């Protein structure tokens, strides 16, 4: 919410200082993403008991970006995006004579991307097709369930995040976008991006999102 307010204030400021033909636009996007990290846990044969850590590879992502058209062929964007991957847990066991049941309970992994991208047309002949690259800062929140065995007689239901577990990473992104004008104010398009974590040297996610852009 604070980031959205910041974007709106920045839009108002830039619009006041913009030329008669504004170079400022605002884009919203929402679609699907595949998260590689959420399938990376080993849940089989753990010494600490039964664990539910992994989530479904396919999830959703949505975001907002403020763009500045620096030249006829190039633009910069400052944005925020949030993704979500979940998994439904069903489990039943008896611990010390007490039955434990988990029935259709969702655990989630959420990523929050704070990002800066540079975008450019492939060529003068294909102005609607663009490539982009940039950097991002990532904060995550992930829910986990660990049910201990006879050696570890306890149950952990966790929600780990930056505040309690310092979950943060940094990386680079690459993408392609195709845009088509609806009228003088609106563009529609579709974008695909790849997010790579430099801090851990791993691929984090790949996205596919329809986009709607408003030109001020």
Protein backbone atom coordinates (compact mmCIF):
# COMPACT_ATOMS: atom_id res chain seq x y z
CA UNK A 1 0.00 0.00 0.00
CA UNK A 2 2.83 2.44 0.89
CA UNK A 3 4.57 1.62 -2.39
CA UNK A 4 1.35 2.23 -4.36
CA UNK A 5 0.89 5.63 -2.67
CA UNK A 6 4.49 6.48 -3.52
CA UNK A 7 3.91 5.58 -7.18
CA UNK A 8 0.77 7.76 -7.35
CA UNK A 9 2.56 10.74 -5.77
CA UNK A 10 5.49 10.29 -8.15
CA UNK A 11 3.10 10.13 -11.12
CA UNK A 12 1.47 13.42 -10.06
CA UNK A 13 4.84 15.13 -9.64
CA UNK A 14 6.19 13.93 -12.98
CA UNK A 15 2.96 14.81 -14.77
CA UNK A 16 3.19 18.42 -13.55
CA UNK A 17 6.74 18.72 -14.88
CA UNK A 18 6.15 16.77 -18.08
CA UNK A 19 5.99 18.32 -21.53
CA UNK A 20 2.70 18.70 -23.40
CA UNK A 21 3.21 15.21 -24.81
CA UNK A 22 3.87 13.25 -21.66
CA UNK A 23 6.57 10.60 -21.51
CA UNK A 24 5.03 9.05 -18.40
CA UNK A 25 2.84 5.94 -18.38
CA UNK A 26 1.47 3.58 -15.77
CA UNK A 27 1.18 -0.16 -16.36
CA UNK A 28 -0.71 -2.86 -14.47
CA UNK A 29 -0.19 -6.57 -15.08
CA UNK A 30 -1.53 -9.86 -13.79
CA UNK A 31 -0.94 -13.45 -14.89
CA UNK A 32 0.81 -16.71 -14.11
CA UNK A 33 4.30 -17.57 -12.91
CA UNK A 34 6.38 -20.64 -12.25
CA UNK A 35 8.52 -20.55 -9.12
CA UNK A 36 11.52 -22.89 -9.06
CA UNK A 37 12.39 -22.33 -5.41
CA UNK A 38 9.08 -23.58 -4.01
CA UNK A 39 9.83 -27.12 -5.32
CA UNK A 40 13.40 -27.23 -4.00
CA UNK A 41 12.85 -28.76 -0.53
CA UNK A 42 13.53 -32.39 0.28
CA UNK A 43 10.52 -33.69 2.21
CA UNK A 44 11.32 -37.42 2.03
CA UNK A 45 13.35 -39.25 4.70
CA UNK A 46 13.86 -36.23 6.91
CA UNK A 47 15.34 -37.00 10.38
CA UNK A 48 13.11 -34.39 12.01
CA UNK A 49 9.81 -36.00 10.93
CA UNK A 50 7.13 -35.23 8.36
CA UNK A 51 7.40 -31.86 6.64
CA UNK A 52 5.16 -29.87 4.30
CA UNK A 53 7.41 -27.25 2.74
CA UNK A 54 7.04 -27.37 -1.05
CA UNK A 55 4.29 -25.55 -2.94
CA UNK A 56 2.85 -25.86 -6.44
CA UNK A 57 5.18 -24.70 -9.20
CA UNK A 58 2.46 -22.69 -10.98
CA UNK A 59 1.09 -19.66 -9.18
CA UNK A 60 -0.10 -16.10 -9.80
CA UNK A 61 1.67 -12.75 -10.05
CA UNK A 62 0.46 -9.18 -10.36
CA UNK A 63 2.13 -5.81 -10.31
CA UNK A 64 2.26 -2.13 -11.15
CA UNK A 65 4.99 -0.19 -12.97
CA UNK A 66 5.70 3.47 -13.61
CA UNK A 67 7.44 4.04 -16.98
CA UNK A 68 9.45 6.95 -18.32
CA UNK A 69 10.04 7.08 -22.09
CA UNK A 70 13.62 8.35 -22.17
CA UNK A 71 13.98 8.15 -25.99
CA UNK A 72 11.79 7.08 -28.92
CA UNK A 73 13.05 3.51 -28.58
CA UNK A 74 13.90 3.17 -24.88
CA UNK A 75 12.17 3.46 -21.51
CA UNK A 76 12.85 2.97 -17.81
CA UNK A 77 10.36 1.43 -15.38
CA UNK A 78 10.12 1.36 -11.61
CA UNK A 79 7.78 -1.30 -10.28
CA UNK A 80 6.43 -3.62 -7.64
CA UNK A 81 5.10 -7.15 -8.13
CA UNK A 82 3.80 -9.82 -5.79
CA UNK A 83 3.58 -13.53 -6.55
CA UNK A 84 1.89 -16.39 -4.70
CA UNK A 85 2.31 -20.17 -4.83
CA UNK A 86 0.26 -22.47 -2.64
CA UNK A 87 -0.28 -26.12 -1.77
CA UNK A 88 -3.20 -27.89 -0.12
CA UNK A 89 -2.14 -30.14 2.79
CA UNK A 90 -4.07 -33.23 3.89
CA UNK A 91 -2.54 -35.34 6.66
CA UNK A 92 -3.60 -37.47 9.61
CA UNK A 93 -1.57 -39.18 12.36
CA UNK A 94 -1.60 -40.11 16.05
CA UNK A 95 1.00 -38.56 18.37
CA UNK A 96 1.15 -39.87 21.97
CA UNK A 97 -2.44 -41.06 21.72
CA UNK A 98 -3.70 -37.75 20.31
CA UNK A 99 -4.97 -37.63 16.74
CA UNK A 100 -3.68 -34.82 14.54
CA UNK A 101 -5.65 -34.05 11.38
CA UNK A 102 -4.90 -31.46 8.68
CA UNK A 103 -7.78 -31.22 6.23
CA UNK A 104 -7.51 -29.25 2.98
CA UNK A 105 -5.27 -26.57 4.57
CA UNK A 106 -3.38 -24.20 2.22
CA UNK A 107 0.21 -23.18 2.82
CA UNK A 108 1.66 -20.35 0.71
CA UNK A 109 4.88 -18.85 -0.52
CA UNK A 110 4.77 -15.16 -1.43
CA UNK A 111 7.43 -13.09 -3.19
CA UNK A 112 7.54 -9.29 -3.23
CA UNK A 113 9.65 -7.85 -6.07
CA UNK A 114 10.92 -4.26 -5.97
CA UNK A 115 12.37 -3.73 -9.43
CA UNK A 116 14.02 -1.34 -11.89
CA UNK A 117 14.03 -2.28 -15.60
CA UNK A 118 15.38 -0.81 -18.83
CA UNK A 119 13.30 -1.55 -21.94
CA UNK A 120 14.14 -1.05 -25.63
CA UNK A 121 12.58 -1.76 -29.03
CA UNK A 122 14.20 -4.58 -30.96
CA UNK A 123 14.37 -2.41 -34.07
CA UNK A 124 12.71 0.51 -35.85
CA UNK A 125 10.77 -1.99 -37.97
CA UNK A 126 9.33 -3.80 -34.91
CA UNK A 127 8.52 -1.03 -32.37
CA UNK A 128 5.84 -3.18 -30.71
CA UNK A 129 8.30 -5.92 -29.74
CA UNK A 130 10.61 -4.97 -26.88
CA UNK A 131 13.34 -6.55 -24.80
CA UNK A 132 14.21 -5.57 -21.24
CA UNK A 133 16.65 -6.24 -18.44
CA UNK A 134 16.96 -4.94 -14.91
CA UNK A 135 17.62 -5.51 -11.24
CA UNK A 136 15.32 -6.40 -8.36
CA UNK A 137 15.22 -6.71 -4.58
CA UNK A 138 13.17 -9.61 -3.23
CA UNK A 139 11.48 -10.26 0.12
CA UNK A 140 9.66 -13.54 0.73
CA UNK A 141 7.11 -14.95 3.14
CA UNK A 142 6.72 -18.73 3.33
CA UNK A 143 4.49 -20.98 5.39
CA UNK A 144 5.70 -24.39 6.55
CA UNK A 145 4.49 -27.32 8.67
CA UNK A 146 6.87 -29.77 10.38
CA UNK A 147 5.45 -32.68 12.43
CA UNK A 148 8.14 -34.25 14.57
CA UNK A 149 8.77 -37.96 15.00
CA UNK A 150 9.74 -39.92 18.13
CA UNK A 151 13.14 -38.21 18.15
CA UNK A 152 11.64 -34.73 17.79
CA UNK A 153 8.40 -34.65 19.73
CA UNK A 154 6.86 -31.37 18.62
CA UNK A 155 4.81 -29.70 15.88
CA UNK A 156 5.97 -26.52 14.12
CA UNK A 157 3.57 -24.33 12.12
CA UNK A 158 5.72 -21.52 10.74
CA UNK A 159 5.37 -18.35 8.75
CA UNK A 160 8.89 -17.17 7.95
CA UNK A 161 9.57 -13.72 6.46
CA UNK A 162 12.04 -10.82 6.50
CA UNK A 163 11.04 -9.67 9.98
CA UNK A 164 11.59 -12.98 11.78
CA UNK A 165 13.98 -14.83 9.42
CA UNK A 166 15.71 -12.16 7.30
CA UNK A 167 14.32 -13.59 4.04
CA UNK A 168 15.71 -11.25 1.38
CA UNK A 169 17.58 -11.70 -1.90
CA UNK A 170 18.78 -9.69 -4.88
CA UNK A 171 18.97 -10.49 -8.56
CA UNK A 172 18.64 -9.61 -12.22
CA UNK A 173 15.74 -10.00 -14.62
CA UNK A 174 15.32 -10.38 -18.38
CA UNK A 175 12.15 -10.13 -20.41
CA UNK A 176 10.22 -9.65 -23.64
CA UNK A 177 7.07 -7.62 -24.16
CA UNK A 178 4.71 -7.16 -27.10
CA UNK A 179 2.49 -4.06 -27.09
CA UNK A 180 -0.43 -2.95 -29.26
CA UNK A 181 -2.14 0.44 -29.11
CA UNK A 182 -5.84 0.57 -28.31
CA UNK A 183 -6.07 4.36 -28.68
CA UNK A 184 -3.99 7.44 -27.83
CA UNK A 185 -4.05 6.64 -24.11
CA UNK A 186 -4.11 2.85 -23.73
CA UNK A 187 -1.88 -0.05 -24.82
CA UNK A 188 -2.48 -3.73 -24.26
CA UNK A 189 0.25 -6.31 -24.34
CA UNK A 190 1.81 -9.47 -23.01
CA UNK A 191 5.12 -9.92 -21.22
CA UNK A 192 7.37 -12.75 -20.14
CA UNK A 193 10.17 -12.31 -17.59
CA UNK A 194 12.85 -14.47 -16.01
CA UNK A 195 14.06 -13.67 -12.49
CA UNK A 196 17.52 -14.89 -11.48
CA UNK A 197 18.90 -14.58 -7.93
CA UNK A 198 22.49 -13.39 -7.98
CA UNK A 199 22.70 -13.71 -4.20
CA UNK A 200 22.12 -17.50 -4.35
CA UNK A 201 23.10 -18.19 -7.99
CA UNK A 202 19.73 -19.83 -8.70
CA UNK A 203 16.78 -19.32 -11.03
CA UNK A 204 13.83 -17.99 -9.04
CA UNK A 205 10.85 -17.64 -11.37
CA UNK A 206 9.48 -17.21 -14.89
CA UNK A 207 6.35 -15.16 -15.60
CA UNK A 208 3.72 -14.63 -18.31
CA UNK A 209 1.41 -11.65 -17.78
CA UNK A 210 -1.03 -9.64 -19.89
CA UNK A 211 -0.44 -5.90 -19.45
CA UNK A 212 -2.52 -2.72 -19.67
CA UNK A 213 -0.70 0.61 -20.01
CA UNK A 214 -2.11 4.12 -19.57
CA UNK A 215 -0.26 7.10 -21.07
CA UNK A 216 -0.66 10.40 -19.22
